[in-house]
Amino acid sequence: MTPPIVVHPPSGTSGRKVTAHTESLGFAHRPEDVVEFLRRAGLDPADIQLDDPNLIEWRGGGPDVWQ
């Protein structure tokens, strides 16, 4: 099963695109931005594990790669 959230590879200075299924949530510039997007989408921040492969697929590097 594909995780519902995808953090796409870094795109230079504009950060990393974050999508939920096919809907764009925005561009994140740090891990806290990803958490905020997911909070706005209805998830409880206490339940968000950035390293949970069942929730988030990191493409082009994990939560420590932003450039």
N, C-alpha and C. Protein backbone atom coordinates (compact mmCIF):
# COMPACT_ATOMS: atom_id res chain seq x y z
N MET A 1 0.84 -1.18 0.00
CA MET A 1 0.00 0.00 0.00
C MET A 1 0.89 1.25 0.00
N THR A 2 0.55 2.21 -0.84
CA THR A 2 1.30 3.45 -0.93
C THR A 2 0.90 4.39 0.20
N PRO A 3 1.88 5.01 0.87
CA PRO A 3 1.54 5.98 1.91
C PRO A 3 0.71 7.12 1.34
N PRO A 4 -0.21 7.67 2.12
CA PRO A 4 -1.07 8.74 1.62
C PRO A 4 -0.34 10.06 1.42
N ILE A 5 0.76 10.27 2.11
CA ILE A 5 1.50 11.53 2.02
C ILE A 5 2.81 11.29 1.30
N VAL A 6 3.12 12.17 0.33
CA VAL A 6 4.40 12.09 -0.38
C VAL A 6 5.10 13.44 -0.22
N VAL A 7 6.35 13.37 0.23
CA VAL A 7 7.21 14.55 0.24
C VAL A 7 8.18 14.35 -0.92
N HIS A 8 8.03 15.19 -1.93
CA HIS A 8 8.77 15.04 -3.18
C HIS A 8 10.21 15.54 -3.02
N PRO A 9 11.09 15.20 -3.98
CA PRO A 9 12.50 15.62 -3.88
C PRO A 9 12.63 17.14 -3.79
N PRO A 10 13.73 17.61 -3.19
CA PRO A 10 13.99 19.05 -3.11
C PRO A 10 14.00 19.65 -4.51
N SER A 11 13.44 20.85 -4.60
CA SER A 11 13.37 21.52 -5.90
C SER A 11 14.13 22.84 -5.84
N GLY A 12 15.36 22.80 -5.43
CA GLY A 12 16.16 24.03 -5.36
C GLY A 12 15.73 24.89 -4.19
N THR A 13 15.42 26.14 -4.47
CA THR A 13 15.11 27.09 -3.39
C THR A 13 13.64 27.09 -2.98
N SER A 14 12.79 26.38 -3.70
CA SER A 14 11.36 26.43 -3.38
C SER A 14 10.92 25.34 -2.40
N GLY A 15 11.86 24.55 -1.87
CA GLY A 15 11.50 23.53 -0.89
C GLY A 15 11.08 22.23 -1.54
N ARG A 16 10.25 21.49 -0.80
CA ARG A 16 9.79 20.18 -1.26
C ARG A 16 8.26 20.18 -1.31
N LYS A 17 7.74 19.78 -2.45
CA LYS A 17 6.30 19.68 -2.61
C LYS A 17 5.77 18.55 -1.73
N VAL A 18 4.64 18.81 -1.08
CA VAL A 18 3.99 17.81 -0.24
C VAL A 18 2.60 17.55 -0.80
N THR A 19 2.28 16.27 -1.03
CA THR A 19 0.96 15.92 -1.55
C THR A 19 0.30 14.87 -0.67
N ALA A 20 -1.02 14.94 -0.63
CA ALA A 20 -1.84 13.92 0.03
C ALA A 20 -2.66 13.29 -1.08
N HIS A 21 -2.34 12.05 -1.39
CA HIS A 21 -2.90 11.35 -2.55
C HIS A 21 -2.51 12.17 -3.77
N THR A 22 -3.39 12.85 -4.44
CA THR A 22 -3.02 13.68 -5.60
C THR A 22 -3.17 15.16 -5.31
N GLU A 23 -3.59 15.52 -4.13
CA GLU A 23 -3.82 16.93 -3.77
C GLU A 23 -2.55 17.56 -3.20
N SER A 24 -2.19 18.72 -3.75
CA SER A 24 -1.03 19.44 -3.25
C SER A 24 -1.35 20.11 -1.92
N LEU A 25 -0.48 19.91 -0.93
CA LEU A 25 -0.65 20.56 0.37
C LEU A 25 0.22 21.80 0.48
N GLY A 26 1.22 21.93 -0.39
CA GLY A 26 2.10 23.09 -0.38
C GLY A 26 3.55 22.68 -0.52
N PHE A 27 4.44 23.66 -0.28
CA PHE A 27 5.88 23.44 -0.34
C PHE A 27 6.46 23.60 1.05
N ALA A 28 7.14 22.58 1.51
CA ALA A 28 7.75 22.59 2.83
C ALA A 28 9.23 22.96 2.70
N HIS A 29 9.70 23.71 3.69
CA HIS A 29 11.11 24.10 3.73
C HIS A 29 11.83 23.47 4.91
N ARG A 30 11.08 22.75 5.73
CA ARG A 30 11.64 22.09 6.91
C ARG A 30 10.62 21.07 7.41
N PRO A 31 11.04 20.15 8.26
CA PRO A 31 10.11 19.12 8.74
C PRO A 31 8.88 19.70 9.45
N GLU A 32 9.05 20.79 10.15
CA GLU A 32 7.91 21.39 10.86
C GLU A 32 6.82 21.84 9.90
N ASP A 33 7.19 22.21 8.68
CA ASP A 33 6.19 22.58 7.67
C ASP A 33 5.34 21.37 7.29
N VAL A 34 5.98 20.21 7.17
CA VAL A 34 5.25 18.99 6.84
C VAL A 34 4.24 18.68 7.94
N VAL A 35 4.66 18.79 9.19
CA VAL A 35 3.75 18.56 10.31
C VAL A 35 2.59 19.53 10.26
N GLU A 36 2.85 20.80 9.96
CA GLU A 36 1.78 21.80 9.89
C GLU A 36 0.80 21.48 8.77
N PHE A 37 1.29 21.09 7.61
CA PHE A 37 0.39 20.72 6.51
C PHE A 37 -0.52 19.56 6.91
N LEU A 38 0.05 18.59 7.60
CA LEU A 38 -0.74 17.44 8.01
C LEU A 38 -1.74 17.82 9.11
N ARG A 39 -1.36 18.74 9.97
CA ARG A 39 -2.29 19.23 10.98
C ARG A 39 -3.48 19.91 10.30
N ARG A 40 -3.20 20.74 9.32
CA ARG A 40 -4.27 21.43 8.58
C ARG A 40 -5.16 20.44 7.83
N ALA A 41 -4.59 19.30 7.45
CA ALA A 41 -5.36 18.25 6.75
C ALA A 41 -6.18 17.40 7.71
N GLY A 42 -6.04 17.67 9.04
CA GLY A 42 -6.88 16.98 10.00
C GLY A 42 -6.18 15.98 10.91
N LEU A 43 -4.88 15.81 10.75
CA LEU A 43 -4.17 14.87 11.62
C LEU A 43 -3.74 15.57 12.91
N ASP A 44 -3.74 14.82 13.98
CA ASP A 44 -3.28 15.32 15.26
C ASP A 44 -1.75 15.32 15.25
N PRO A 45 -1.10 16.48 15.49
CA PRO A 45 0.37 16.52 15.47
C PRO A 45 1.02 15.49 16.39
N ALA A 46 0.36 15.14 17.49
CA ALA A 46 0.90 14.14 18.42
C ALA A 46 0.97 12.75 17.77
N ASP A 47 0.18 12.53 16.72
CA ASP A 47 0.14 11.23 16.05
C ASP A 47 1.05 11.16 14.83
N ILE A 48 1.68 12.27 14.47
CA ILE A 48 2.49 12.32 13.25
C ILE A 48 3.92 11.89 13.56
N GLN A 49 4.33 10.82 12.91
CA GLN A 49 5.72 10.33 12.99
C GLN A 49 6.33 10.52 11.61
N LEU A 50 7.25 11.46 11.47
CA LEU A 50 7.82 11.75 10.17
C LEU A 50 8.57 10.56 9.56
N ASP A 51 8.97 9.61 10.39
CA ASP A 51 9.68 8.44 9.88
C ASP A 51 8.77 7.22 9.70
N ASP A 52 7.46 7.43 9.75
CA ASP A 52 6.50 6.34 9.57
C ASP A 52 6.27 6.09 8.08
N PRO A 53 6.81 4.99 7.54
CA PRO A 53 6.65 4.73 6.11
C PRO A 53 5.23 4.40 5.69
N ASN A 54 4.36 4.11 6.66
CA ASN A 54 2.95 3.88 6.32
C ASN A 54 2.18 5.18 6.16
N LEU A 55 2.76 6.29 6.62
CA LEU A 55 2.11 7.60 6.51
C LEU A 55 2.77 8.47 5.45
N ILE A 56 4.11 8.49 5.43
CA ILE A 56 4.83 9.42 4.56
C ILE A 56 5.86 8.68 3.71
N GLU A 57 5.84 8.97 2.43
CA GLU A 57 6.88 8.50 1.52
C GLU A 57 7.78 9.68 1.21
N TRP A 58 9.04 9.57 1.58
CA TRP A 58 10.03 10.61 1.32
C TRP A 58 10.77 10.24 0.04
N ARG A 59 10.68 11.11 -0.96
CA ARG A 59 11.38 10.87 -2.22
C ARG A 59 12.55 11.84 -2.33
N GLY A 60 13.70 11.33 -2.71
CA GLY A 60 14.87 12.19 -2.86
C GLY A 60 15.52 12.56 -1.54
N GLY A 61 15.34 11.73 -0.53
CA GLY A 61 15.94 11.97 0.78
C GLY A 61 14.89 12.10 1.85
N GLY A 62 15.30 11.82 3.07
CA GLY A 62 14.37 11.84 4.19
C GLY A 62 14.16 13.22 4.78
N PRO A 63 13.66 13.28 6.01
CA PRO A 63 13.32 14.56 6.62
C PRO A 63 14.50 15.46 6.92
N ASP A 64 15.71 14.97 6.73
CA ASP A 64 16.89 15.80 6.95
C ASP A 64 17.46 16.38 5.66
N VAL A 65 16.82 16.13 4.51
CA VAL A 65 17.30 16.62 3.22
C VAL A 65 16.35 17.68 2.69
N TRP A 66 16.86 18.91 2.53
CA TRP A 66 16.01 20.01 2.06
C TRP A 66 16.60 20.77 0.89
N GLN A 67 17.80 20.42 0.47
CA GLN A 67 18.39 21.07 -0.71
C GLN A 67 18.97 20.03 -1.62
